[in-house]
PDB file of N, CA and C in Angstrom:
ATOM      1  N   MET A   1     -16.202  12.656 -55.539  1.00  0.00           N
ATOM      2  CA  MET A   1     -16.312  11.860 -54.297  1.00  0.00           C
ATOM      3  C   MET A   1     -17.891  12.287 -54.006  1.00  0.00           C
ATOM      4  N   THR A   2     -18.507  11.761 -53.800  1.00  0.00           N
ATOM      5  CA  THR A   2     -19.883  11.838 -53.373  1.00  0.00           C
ATOM      6  C   THR A   2     -19.972  11.851 -52.134  1.00  0.00           C
ATOM      7  N   PRO A   3     -20.885  12.582 -51.709  1.00  0.00           N
ATOM      8  CA  PRO A   3     -21.529  12.530 -50.017  1.00  0.00           C
ATOM      9  C   PRO A   3     -21.569  10.987 -49.485  1.00  0.00           C
ATOM     10  N   ALA A   4     -22.062  10.354 -49.935  1.00  0.00           N
ATOM     11  CA  ALA A   4     -22.625   8.627 -49.868  1.00  0.00           C
ATOM     12  C   ALA A   4     -21.199   7.729 -49.438  1.00  0.00           C
ATOM     13  N   CYS A   5     -20.474   8.237 -50.218  1.00  0.00           N
ATOM     14  CA  CYS A   5     -19.167   7.618 -50.625  1.00  0.00           C
ATOM     15  C   CYS A   5     -17.853   8.054 -49.508  1.00  0.00           C
ATOM     16  N   ALA A   6     -18.058   9.669 -49.100  1.00  0.00           N
ATOM     17  CA  ALA A   6     -17.583   9.790 -47.806  1.00  0.00           C
ATOM     18  C   ALA A   6     -18.480   9.624 -46.809  1.00  0.00           C
ATOM     19  N   ILE A   7     -19.203   9.140 -46.669  1.00  0.00           N
ATOM     20  CA  ILE A   7     -19.972   8.760 -45.135  1.00  0.00           C
ATOM     21  C   ILE A   7     -19.149   7.079 -44.747  1.00  0.00           C
ATOM     22  N   GLN A   8     -19.314   6.701 -45.885  1.00  0.00           N
ATOM     23  CA  GLN A   8     -18.861   5.148 -46.112  1.00  0.00           C
ATOM     24  C   GLN A   8     -17.759   4.997 -45.779  1.00  0.00           C
ATOM     25  N   MET A   9     -16.829   6.041 -46.155  1.00  0.00           N
ATOM     26  CA  MET A   9     -15.158   5.586 -46.002  1.00  0.00           C
ATOM     27  C   MET A   9     -15.033   6.168 -44.220  1.00  0.00           C
ATOM     28  N   LEU A  10     -15.762   6.940 -43.943  1.00  0.00           N
ATOM     29  CA  LEU A  10     -15.739   7.744 -42.300  1.00  0.00           C
ATOM     30  C   LEU A  10     -16.205   6.255 -41.542  1.00  0.00           C
ATOM     31  N   GLU A  11     -17.446   5.785 -41.650  1.00  0.00           N
ATOM     32  CA  GLU A  11     -17.952   4.650 -41.326  1.00  0.00           C
ATOM     33  C   GLU A  11     -17.084   3.652 -40.898  1.00  0.00           C
ATOM     34  N   ARG A  12     -16.545   3.110 -42.029  1.00  0.00           N
ATOM     35  CA  ARG A  12     -15.135   1.993 -41.987  1.00  0.00           C
ATOM     36  C   ARG A  12     -14.187   2.416 -41.299  1.00  0.00           C
ATOM     37  N   GLN A  13     -13.727   3.680 -41.305  1.00  0.00           N
ATOM     38  CA  GLN A  13     -12.764   3.800 -40.308  1.00  0.00           C
ATOM     39  C   GLN A  13     -13.299   4.169 -38.533  1.00  0.00           C
ATOM     40  N   LEU A  14     -14.305   4.645 -38.480  1.00  0.00           N
ATOM     41  CA  LEU A  14     -14.967   4.571 -37.007  1.00  0.00           C
ATOM     42  C   LEU A  14     -15.322   3.133 -36.764  1.00  0.00           C
ATOM     43  N   ALA A  15     -15.494   2.087 -37.669  1.00  0.00           N
ATOM     44  CA  ALA A  15     -15.769   0.781 -37.195  1.00  0.00           C
ATOM     45  C   ALA A  15     -14.310   0.235 -36.912  1.00  0.00           C
ATOM     46  N   THR A  16     -13.187   0.432 -37.644  1.00  0.00           N
ATOM     47  CA  THR A  16     -12.185  -0.072 -37.464  1.00  0.00           C
ATOM     48  C   THR A  16     -11.571   0.535 -36.155  1.00  0.00           C
ATOM     49  N   HIS A  17     -11.308   1.952 -36.249  1.00  0.00           N
ATOM     50  CA  HIS A  17     -10.445   2.642 -35.058  1.00  0.00           C
ATOM     51  C   HIS A  17     -11.229   3.356 -34.490  1.00  0.00           C
ATOM     52  N   GLY A  18     -12.407   3.423 -34.350  1.00  0.00           N
ATOM     53  CA  GLY A  18     -13.221   4.287 -33.165  1.00  0.00           C
ATOM     54  C   GLY A  18     -13.381   3.896 -32.132  1.00  0.00           C
ATOM     55  N   GLN A  19     -14.277   4.250 -31.118  1.00  0.00           N
ATOM     56  CA  GLN A  19     -14.569   3.761 -29.829  1.00  0.00           C
ATOM     57  C   GLN A  19     -16.314   3.742 -29.629  1.00  0.00           C
ATOM     58  N   ASN A  20     -16.978   3.147 -28.553  1.00  0.00           N
ATOM     59  CA  ASN A  20     -18.184   3.350 -28.629  1.00  0.00           C
ATOM     60  C   ASN A  20     -18.587   4.390 -27.386  1.00  0.00           C
ATOM     61  N   VAL A  21     -19.312   5.506 -27.680  1.00  0.00           N
ATOM     62  CA  VAL A  21     -19.809   6.346 -27.014  1.00  0.00           C
ATOM     63  C   VAL A  21     -21.165   6.325 -26.747  1.00  0.00           C
ATOM     64  N   THR A  22     -21.898   7.157 -25.933  1.00  0.00           N
ATOM     65  CA  THR A  22     -23.067   7.400 -25.603  1.00  0.00           C
ATOM     66  C   THR A  22     -23.420   8.696 -25.658  1.00  0.00           C
ATOM     67  N   LEU A  23     -24.551   9.286 -26.669  1.00  0.00           N
ATOM     68  CA  LEU A  23     -24.664  10.785 -26.789  1.00  0.00           C
ATOM     69  C   LEU A  23     -25.909  10.847 -25.938  1.00  0.00           C
ATOM     70  N   LYS A  24     -26.134  11.580 -24.473  1.00  0.00           N
ATOM     71  CA  LYS A  24     -27.071  11.905 -23.966  1.00  0.00           C
ATOM     72  C   LYS A  24     -27.697  13.221 -24.398  1.00  0.00           C
ATOM     73  N   LEU A  25     -28.988  13.032 -25.341  1.00  0.00           N
ATOM     74  CA  LEU A  25     -29.309  13.924 -25.704  1.00  0.00           C
ATOM     75  C   LEU A  25     -31.092  14.366 -25.627  1.00  0.00           C
ATOM     76  N   ALA A  26     -31.752  15.236 -25.351  1.00  0.00           N
ATOM     77  CA  ALA A  26     -32.772  15.661 -25.028  1.00  0.00           C
ATOM     78  C   ALA A  26     -33.971  14.626 -25.265  1.00  0.00           C
ATOM     79  N   GLY A  27     -33.659  14.374 -26.548  1.00  0.00           N
ATOM     80  CA  GLY A  27     -34.544  13.171 -27.108  1.00  0.00           C
ATOM     81  C   GLY A  27     -34.306  11.508 -26.331  1.00  0.00           C
ATOM     82  N   GLY A  28     -33.694  11.560 -25.704  1.00  0.00           N
ATOM     83  CA  GLY A  28     -32.960  10.222 -25.287  1.00  0.00           C
ATOM     84  C   GLY A  28     -31.360  10.003 -25.910  1.00  0.00           C
ATOM     85  N   ASP A  29     -31.162   8.544 -25.272  1.00  0.00           N
ATOM     86  CA  ASP A  29     -29.661   8.283 -25.404  1.00  0.00           C
ATOM     87  C   ASP A  29     -29.575   7.788 -26.671  1.00  0.00           C
ATOM     88  N   VAL A  30     -28.280   7.612 -27.331  1.00  0.00           N
ATOM     89  CA  VAL A  30     -27.957   7.179 -28.559  1.00  0.00           C
ATOM     90  C   VAL A  30     -26.364   6.689 -28.497  1.00  0.00           C
ATOM     91  N   GLU A  31     -26.238   5.370 -28.985  1.00  0.00           N
ATOM     92  CA  GLU A  31     -24.975   4.960 -28.809  1.00  0.00           C
ATOM     93  C   GLU A  31     -24.399   4.827 -30.331  1.00  0.00           C
ATOM     94  N   ALA A  32     -23.312   5.537 -30.364  1.00  0.00           N
ATOM     95  CA  ALA A  32     -22.545   5.715 -31.660  1.00  0.00           C
ATOM     96  C   ALA A  32     -21.070   4.935 -31.319  1.00  0.00           C
ATOM     97  N   ARG A  33     -20.578   5.237 -32.734  1.00  0.00           N
ATOM     98  CA  ARG A  33     -18.950   5.109 -32.772  1.00  0.00           C
ATOM     99  C   ARG A  33     -18.124   6.406 -33.001  1.00  0.00           C
ATOM    100  N   ALA A  34     -16.930   6.397 -32.501  1.00  0.00           N
ATOM    101  CA  ALA A  34     -16.661   8.053 -32.888  1.00  0.00           C
ATOM    102  C   ALA A  34     -15.015   7.875 -32.481  1.00  0.00           C
ATOM    103  N   PHE A  35     -14.556   8.983 -32.907  1.00  0.00           N
ATOM    104  CA  PHE A  35     -13.057   9.238 -32.979  1.00  0.00           C
ATOM    105  C   PHE A  35     -13.011  10.245 -31.834  1.00  0.00           C
ATOM    106  N   VAL A  36     -12.086   9.888 -30.852  1.00  0.00           N
ATOM    107  CA  VAL A  36     -12.100  10.747 -29.615  1.00  0.00           C
ATOM    108  C   VAL A  36     -10.472  11.102 -29.847  1.00  0.00           C
ATOM    109  N   ARG A  37     -10.385  12.492 -29.742  1.00  0.00           N
ATOM    110  CA  ARG A  37      -8.551  12.671 -29.213  1.00  0.00           C
ATOM    111  C   ARG A  37      -8.977  13.763 -28.552  1.00  0.00           C
ATOM    112  N   GLY A  38      -7.429  14.218 -27.867  1.00  0.00           N
ATOM    113  CA  GLY A  38      -7.329  15.471 -27.271  1.00  0.00           C
ATOM    114  C   GLY A  38      -6.886  16.250 -28.108  1.00  0.00           C
ATOM    115  N   MET A  39      -6.712  17.560 -27.891  1.00  0.00           N
ATOM    116  CA  MET A  39      -6.415  19.080 -28.386  1.00  0.00           C
ATOM    117  C   MET A  39      -5.179  19.104 -28.616  1.00  0.00           C
ATOM    118  N   LYS A  40      -4.934  19.519 -29.953  1.00  0.00           N
ATOM    119  CA  LYS A  40      -3.224  19.698 -30.073  1.00  0.00           C
ATOM    120  C   LYS A  40      -3.023  20.956 -29.594  1.00  0.00           C
ATOM    121  N   PRO A  41      -1.396  21.169 -29.198  1.00  0.00           N
ATOM    122  CA  PRO A  41      -1.199  22.732 -28.553  1.00  0.00           C
ATOM    123  C   PRO A  41      -1.599  23.721 -29.402  1.00  0.00           C
ATOM    124  N   ASP A  42      -1.532  23.770 -30.721  1.00  0.00           N
ATOM    125  CA  ASP A  42      -1.868  24.604 -31.707  1.00  0.00           C
ATOM    126  C   ASP A  42      -3.382  25.326 -31.938  1.00  0.00           C
ATOM    127  N   GLU A  43      -4.046  24.055 -31.215  1.00  0.00           N
ATOM    128  CA  GLU A  43      -5.627  24.448 -31.680  1.00  0.00           C
ATOM    129  C   GLU A  43      -6.109  24.859 -30.112  1.00  0.00           C
ATOM    130  N   LEU A  44      -5.221  25.192 -29.040  1.00  0.00           N
ATOM    131  CA  LEU A  44      -5.779  25.613 -28.176  1.00  0.00           C
ATOM    132  C   LEU A  44      -5.696  27.193 -28.013  1.00  0.00           C
ATOM    133  N   THR A  45      -7.213  27.620 -28.823  1.00  0.00           N
ATOM    134  CA  THR A  45      -7.227  28.729 -28.635  1.00  0.00           C
ATOM    135  C   THR A  45      -8.694  29.337 -28.237  1.00  0.00           C
ATOM    136  N   GLY A  46      -8.776  30.680 -28.223  1.00  0.00           N
ATOM    137  CA  GLY A  46      -9.761  31.224 -27.220  1.00  0.00           C
ATOM    138  C   GLY A  46     -10.621  30.258 -26.167  1.00  0.00           C
ATOM    139  N   ASP A  47     -11.713  29.997 -26.014  1.00  0.00           N
ATOM    140  CA  ASP A  47     -12.127  28.746 -24.803  1.00  0.00           C
ATOM    141  C   ASP A  47     -11.950  27.308 -24.657  1.00  0.00           C
ATOM    142  N   LEU A  48     -10.783  27.246 -25.789  1.00  0.00           N
ATOM    143  CA  LEU A  48     -10.335  25.794 -25.694  1.00  0.00           C
ATOM    144  C   LEU A  48      -9.504  25.593 -24.561  1.00  0.00           C
ATOM    145  N   LYS A  49      -9.484  24.207 -23.940  1.00  0.00           N
ATOM    146  CA  LYS A  49      -8.577  24.085 -23.102  1.00  0.00           C
ATOM    147  C   LYS A  49      -8.160  22.766 -22.816  1.00  0.00           C
ATOM    148  N   GLN A  50      -6.649  22.627 -22.406  1.00  0.00           N
ATOM    149  CA  GLN A  50      -6.014  21.603 -22.488  1.00  0.00           C
ATOM    150  C   GLN A  50      -6.897  20.118 -22.587  1.00  0.00           C
ATOM    151  N   ASN A  51      -7.333  19.883 -21.497  1.00  0.00           N
ATOM    152  CA  ASN A  51      -8.467  18.614 -21.383  1.00  0.00           C
ATOM    153  C   ASN A  51      -9.507  18.399 -22.510  1.00  0.00           C
ATOM    154  N   ASP A  52      -9.878  19.691 -23.035  1.00  0.00           N
ATOM    155  CA  ASP A  52     -11.075  19.285 -23.957  1.00  0.00           C
ATOM    156  C   ASP A  52     -10.433  18.268 -25.104  1.00  0.00           C
ATOM    157  N   ARG A  53     -11.682  17.677 -25.665  1.00  0.00           N
ATOM    158  CA  ARG A  53     -11.031  16.633 -26.436  1.00  0.00           C
ATOM    159  C   ARG A  53     -12.414  16.874 -27.900  1.00  0.00           C
ATOM    160  N   LYS A  54     -11.832  16.775 -29.057  1.00  0.00           N
ATOM    161  CA  LYS A  54     -12.514  16.133 -30.364  1.00  0.00           C
ATOM    162  C   LYS A  54     -13.187  15.053 -30.865  1.00  0.00           C
ATOM    163  N   VAL A  55     -14.295  14.872 -30.855  1.00  0.00           N
ATOM    164  CA  VAL A  55     -15.291  13.618 -31.235  1.00  0.00           C
ATOM    165  C   VAL A  55     -15.691  13.682 -32.390  1.00  0.00           C
ATOM    166  N   THR A  56     -15.562  12.858 -33.287  1.00  0.00           N
ATOM    167  CA  THR A  56     -16.086  13.032 -34.850  1.00  0.00           C
ATOM    168  C   THR A  56     -17.263  11.689 -35.043  1.00  0.00           C
ATOM    169  N   LEU A  57     -18.203  12.281 -35.430  1.00  0.00           N
ATOM    170  CA  LEU A  57     -19.388  11.356 -35.770  1.00  0.00           C
ATOM    171  C   LEU A  57     -19.607  11.363 -36.938  1.00  0.00           C
ATOM    172  N   SER A  58     -20.384   9.879 -37.475  1.00  0.00           N
ATOM    173  CA  SER A  58     -20.659   9.585 -38.590  1.00  0.00           C
ATOM    174  C   SER A  58     -22.469  10.591 -38.552  1.00  0.00           C
ATOM    175  N   PRO A  59     -22.986  10.904 -39.571  1.00  0.00           N
ATOM    176  CA  PRO A  59     -24.086  11.759 -39.650  1.00  0.00           C
ATOM    177  C   PRO A  59     -25.340  10.910 -40.072  1.00  0.00           C
ATOM    178  N   SER A  60     -24.577   9.313 -40.324  1.00  0.00           N
ATOM    179  CA  SER A  60     -25.757   8.588 -40.819  1.00  0.00           C
ATOM    180  C   SER A  60     -26.904   8.182 -39.431  1.00  0.00           C
ATOM    181  N   GLY A  61     -28.101   8.504 -39.709  1.00  0.00           N
ATOM    182  CA  GLY A  61     -29.031   7.692 -38.815  1.00  0.00           C
ATOM    183  C   GLY A  61     -29.099   8.472 -37.597  1.00  0.00           C
ATOM    184  N   ARG A  62     -28.742   9.668 -37.789  1.00  0.00           N
ATOM    185  CA  ARG A  62     -28.815  10.931 -36.797  1.00  0.00           C
ATOM    186  C   ARG A  62     -29.978  11.585 -36.857  1.00  0.00           C
ATOM    187  N   THR A  63     -31.167  11.223 -36.105  1.00  0.00           N
ATOM    188  CA  THR A  63     -32.337  11.764 -36.215  1.00  0.00           C
ATOM    189  C   THR A  63     -32.878  12.829 -35.029  1.00  0.00           C
ATOM    190  N   LYS A  64     -31.642  12.593 -33.674  1.00  0.00           N
ATOM    191  CA  LYS A  64     -31.706  13.444 -33.206  1.00  0.00           C
ATOM    192  C   LYS A  64     -30.631  14.623 -32.768  1.00  0.00           C
ATOM    193  N   GLU A  65     -31.147  15.911 -32.900  1.00  0.00           N
ATOM    194  CA  GLU A  65     -30.028  16.708 -32.983  1.00  0.00           C
ATOM    195  C   GLU A  65     -29.099  16.981 -31.495  1.00  0.00           C
ATOM    196  N   ILE A  66     -27.631  17.406 -31.837  1.00  0.00           N
ATOM    197  CA  ILE A  66     -27.159  17.488 -30.905  1.00  0.00           C
ATOM    198  C   ILE A  66     -26.592  18.934 -30.765  1.00  0.00           C
ATOM    199  N   ALA A  67     -26.707  19.579 -29.644  1.00  0.00           N
ATOM    200  CA  ALA A  67     -26.539  20.666 -29.373  1.00  0.00           C
ATOM    201  C   ALA A  67     -25.466  20.785 -28.085  1.00  0.00           C
ATOM    202  N   ALA A  68     -24.828  22.212 -27.772  1.00  0.00           N
ATOM    203  CA  ALA A  68     -24.287  22.768 -26.885  1.00  0.00           C
ATOM    204  C   ALA A  68     -25.113  22.356 -25.447  1.00  0.00           C
ATOM    205  N   LEU A  69     -24.141  21.704 -24.688  1.00  0.00           N
ATOM    206  CA  LEU A  69     -24.585  21.522 -23.161  1.00  0.00           C
ATOM    207  C   LEU A  69     -25.357  20.121 -23.216  1.00  0.00           C
ATOM    208  N   ASP A  70     -25.357  19.600 -24.318  1.00  0.00           N
ATOM    209  CA  ASP A  70     -25.640  18.098 -24.130  1.00  0.00           C
ATOM    210  C   ASP A  70     -24.515  17.347 -23.692  1.00  0.00           C
ATOM    211  N   THR A  71     -24.478  15.828 -23.447  1.00  0.00           N
ATOM    212  CA  THR A  71     -23.420  14.932 -23.030  1.00  0.00           C
ATOM    213  C   THR A  71     -22.966  13.960 -23.409  1.00  0.00           C
ATOM    214  N   VAL A  72     -21.783  13.704 -23.891  1.00  0.00           N
ATOM    215  CA  VAL A  72     -21.143  12.399 -24.267  1.00  0.00           C
ATOM    216  C   VAL A  72     -20.681  11.793 -23.418  1.00  0.00           C
ATOM    217  N   VAL A  73     -20.811  10.380 -23.396  1.00  0.00           N
ATOM    218  CA  VAL A  73     -20.366   9.627 -22.108  1.00  0.00           C
ATOM    219  C   VAL A  73     -19.043   8.812 -22.970  1.00  0.00           C
ATOM    220  N   ILE A  74     -17.811   8.774 -22.697  1.00  0.00           N
ATOM    221  CA  ILE A  74     -16.480   8.608 -23.371  1.00  0.00           C
ATOM    222  C   ILE A  74     -15.880   7.735 -21.837  1.00  0.00           C
ATOM    223  N   ALA A  75     -16.024   6.366 -22.481  1.00  0.00           N
ATOM    224  CA  ALA A  75     -15.151   5.323 -21.491  1.00  0.00           C
ATOM    225  C   ALA A  75     -15.853   5.534 -20.148  1.00  0.00           C
ATOM    226  N   GLY A  76     -16.841   6.020 -19.960  1.00  0.00           N
ATOM    227  CA  GLY A  76     -17.711   5.785 -18.727  1.00  0.00           C
ATOM    228  C   GLY A  76     -17.756   7.295 -17.854  1.00  0.00           C
ATOM    229  N   ARG A  77     -17.327   7.813 -18.751  1.00  0.00           N
ATOM    230  CA  ARG A  77     -17.174   9.725 -18.319  1.00  0.00           C
ATOM    231  C   ARG A  77     -17.997  10.456 -19.014  1.00  0.00           C
ATOM    232  N   ASP A  78     -18.700  11.505 -18.165  1.00  0.00           N
ATOM    233  CA  ASP A  78     -19.361  12.327 -18.614  1.00  0.00           C
ATOM    234  C   ASP A  78     -18.541  13.676 -18.993  1.00  0.00           C
ATOM    235  N   CYS A  79     -18.790  13.892 -20.465  1.00  0.00           N
ATOM    236  CA  CYS A  79     -18.225  15.142 -21.302  1.00  0.00           C
ATOM    237  C   CYS A  79     -19.391  16.007 -21.885  1.00  0.00           C
ATOM    238  N   MET A  80     -19.204  17.268 -21.507  1.00  0.00           N
ATOM    239  CA  MET A  80     -20.332  18.127 -21.839  1.00  0.00           C
ATOM    240  C   MET A  80     -19.952  18.802 -23.101  1.00  0.00           C
ATOM    241  N   VAL A  81     -20.468  18.630 -24.180  1.00  0.00           N
ATOM    242  CA  VAL A  81     -20.436  19.489 -25.635  1.00  0.00           C
ATOM    243  C   VAL A  81     -20.328  21.018 -25.333  1.00  0.00           C
ATOM    244  N   GLU A  82     -19.476  21.564 -25.613  1.00  0.00           N
ATOM    245  CA  GLU A  82     -19.040  22.996 -25.101  1.00  0.00           C
ATOM    246  C   GLU A  82     -19.663  24.092 -26.284  1.00  0.00           C
ATOM    247  N   PHE A  83     -19.556  23.528 -27.489  1.00  0.00           N
ATOM    248  CA  PHE A  83     -20.154  24.464 -28.675  1.00  0.00           C
ATOM    249  C   PHE A  83     -21.176  23.593 -29.492  1.00  0.00           C
ATOM    250  N   ASP A  84     -21.890  24.329 -30.126  1.00  0.00           N
ATOM    251  CA  ASP A  84     -22.728  23.671 -31.333  1.00  0.00           C
ATOM    252  C   ASP A  84     -21.628  22.961 -32.198  1.00  0.00           C
ATOM    253  N   PRO A  85     -22.352  21.517 -32.648  1.00  0.00           N
ATOM    254  CA  PRO A  85     -21.563  20.990 -33.761  1.00  0.00           C
ATOM    255  C   PRO A  85     -21.233  21.661 -34.729  1.00  0.00           C
ATOM    256  N   ASP A  86     -19.830  21.212 -35.217  1.00  0.00           N
ATOM    257  CA  ASP A  86     -19.587  21.459 -36.533  1.00  0.00           C
ATOM    258  C   ASP A  86     -19.521  20.457 -37.741  1.00  0.00           C
ATOM    259  N   VAL A  87     -20.518  20.940 -38.561  1.00  0.00           N
ATOM    260  CA  VAL A  87     -21.138  19.880 -39.516  1.00  0.00           C
ATOM    261  C   VAL A  87     -20.709  20.143 -40.563  1.00  0.00           C
ATOM    262  N   VAL A  88     -19.585  18.847 -41.184  1.00  0.00           N
ATOM    263  CA  VAL A  88     -18.740  19.182 -42.497  1.00  0.00           C
ATOM    264  C   VAL A  88     -19.625  18.927 -43.568  1.00  0.00           C
ATOM    265  N   LEU A  89     -19.818  19.608 -44.699  1.00  0.00           N
ATOM    266  CA  LEU A  89     -21.058  19.400 -45.473  1.00  0.00           C
ATOM    267  C   LEU A  89     -20.300  18.999 -46.872  1.00  0.00           C
ATOM    268  N   LEU A  90     -20.711  17.965 -47.737  1.00  0.00           N
ATOM    269  CA  LEU A  90     -20.431  18.199 -49.061  1.00  0.00           C
ATOM    270  C   LEU A  90     -21.079  18.063 -50.378  1.00  0.00           C
ATOM    271  N   ASN A  91     -21.361  18.477 -51.139  1.00  0.00           N
ATOM    272  CA  ASN A  91     -22.400  18.809 -51.756  1.00  0.00           C
ATOM    273  C   ASN A  91     -23.624  19.049 -50.794  1.00  0.00           C
ATOM    274  N   ASP A  92     -23.874  19.796 -50.026  1.00  0.00           N
ATOM    275  CA  ASP A  92     -24.829  20.429 -49.025  1.00  0.00           C
ATOM    276  C   ASP A  92     -25.180  19.446 -48.472  1.00  0.00           C
ATOM    277  N   GLN A  93     -24.831  18.328 -48.444  1.00  0.00           N
ATOM    278  CA  GLN A  93     -25.201  17.327 -47.394  1.00  0.00           C
ATOM    279  C   GLN A  93     -24.107  16.738 -46.674  1.00  0.00           C
ATOM    280  N   PRO A  94     -24.569  16.628 -45.049  1.00  0.00           N
ATOM    281  CA  PRO A  94     -24.080  16.274 -43.945  1.00  0.00           C
ATOM    282  C   PRO A  94     -22.742  14.992 -44.190  1.00  0.00           C
ATOM    283  N   VAL A  95     -21.569  15.026 -43.684  1.00  0.00           N
ATOM    284  CA  VAL A  95     -20.913  14.092 -44.186  1.00  0.00           C
ATOM    285  C   VAL A  95     -19.930  13.633 -42.808  1.00  0.00           C
ATOM    286  N   ARG A  96     -20.021  14.505 -41.830  1.00  0.00           N
ATOM    287  CA  ARG A  96     -19.259  14.387 -40.462  1.00  0.00           C
ATOM    288  C   ARG A  96     -19.878  15.270 -39.571  1.00  0.00           C
ATOM    289  N   ILE A  97     -19.987  14.920 -38.267  1.00  0.00           N
ATOM    290  CA  ILE A  97     -20.357  15.797 -37.198  1.00  0.00           C
ATOM    291  C   ILE A  97     -18.939  16.042 -36.125  1.00  0.00           C
ATOM    292  N   ASN A  98     -18.228  17.203 -35.992  1.00  0.00           N
ATOM    293  CA  ASN A  98     -17.457  17.319 -35.214  1.00  0.00           C
ATOM    294  C   ASN A  98     -17.556  17.970 -34.102  1.00  0.00           C
ATOM    295  N   LEU A  99     -17.411  17.501 -32.736  1.00  0.00           N
ATOM    296  CA  LEU A  99     -17.758  18.203 -31.385  1.00  0.00           C
ATOM    297  C   LEU A  99     -16.596  18.423 -30.617  1.00  0.00           C
ATOM    298  N   VAL A 100     -16.597  19.547 -29.940  1.00  0.00           N
ATOM    299  CA  VAL A 100     -15.806  19.528 -28.843  1.00  0.00           C
ATOM    300  C   VAL A 100     -16.448  19.457 -27.154  1.00  0.00           C
ATOM    301  N   VAL A 101     -15.722  18.609 -26.706  1.00  0.00           N
ATOM    302  CA  VAL A 101     -16.402  18.151 -25.243  1.00  0.00           C
ATOM    303  C   VAL A 101     -15.444  18.534 -23.946  1.00  0.00           C
ATOM    304  N   ARG A 102     -16.075  18.686 -23.136  1.00  0.00           N
ATOM    305  CA  ARG A 102     -15.149  19.058 -21.948  1.00  0.00           C
ATOM    306  C   ARG A 102     -15.623  18.231 -20.807  1.00  0.00           C
ATOM    307  N   GLY A 103     -14.457  17.574 -19.770  1.00  0.00           N
ATOM    308  CA  GLY A 103     -15.192  17.010 -18.728  1.00  0.00           C
ATOM    309  C   GLY A 103     -14.246  15.692 -18.678  1.00  0.00           C
TER     310      GLY A 103
END
């Protein structure tokens, strides 16, 4: 599988099953589609809390960096990015961005 194919597959799923979110970043607001889900009980380790959520985004068109303490607006609610993003690479190219948000 190529990185372009992986991104295309993710974006199809986001378009069909994702939801609209707003990323409030240092360089301005960005609208995006994302998968948002709660944490599973076995994922609650370290600093993670039960009300934290995972947000998955496509890297396409992402020119502004996402960092800890940025905000993601989910269904009208401001959620703070808790950690720097987990960027999934395929053949050294970003194919997915995973965030943990709280709020």
